[in-house]
Amino acid sequence: MIESIKKNKYGILLMCISSICVCIGQLFWKISAFNGLIALLIGFLFYGIGAIIMVFAYRYGSLSVLQPVLSLNYVFSIILANVVLHEKLTLLKFIGVIIIIIGVILIAGGDE
């Protein structure tokens, strides 16, 4: 398990950064519904940066490991929604986040 994570570590790191950028972009899209064009454009910028980082990430790891790391989008989205938009973090959402994180760890460690 540790060997797989070491082998794919740069790809996993880049995918996590990509995920964060994409989630920030989507957050700005949500904000743009109330705050207009500038927020929408900022959202596209972050989303685009996330997509470019994702392309680079594929150079540094196996597709079968890196693609599932993108499911962290759900985790980052819930965190951003809670922190920025003050949406409620329910127990069910929290359990879901833990399951996603465990799944990503298990998949990242399974490239042997």
Foldseek 3Di string as FASTA:
>chain_A
DVVLCVQLVQLLVLLVQLLLLQLCLVVLVVVCVPVNDVSNVSSVVSNVVSVVSNVVSVVRHDPQLNVLSSVCNLVSNVVCCCPPVVDDCDPVNVVVNVVSVVVSVVSSPPPD
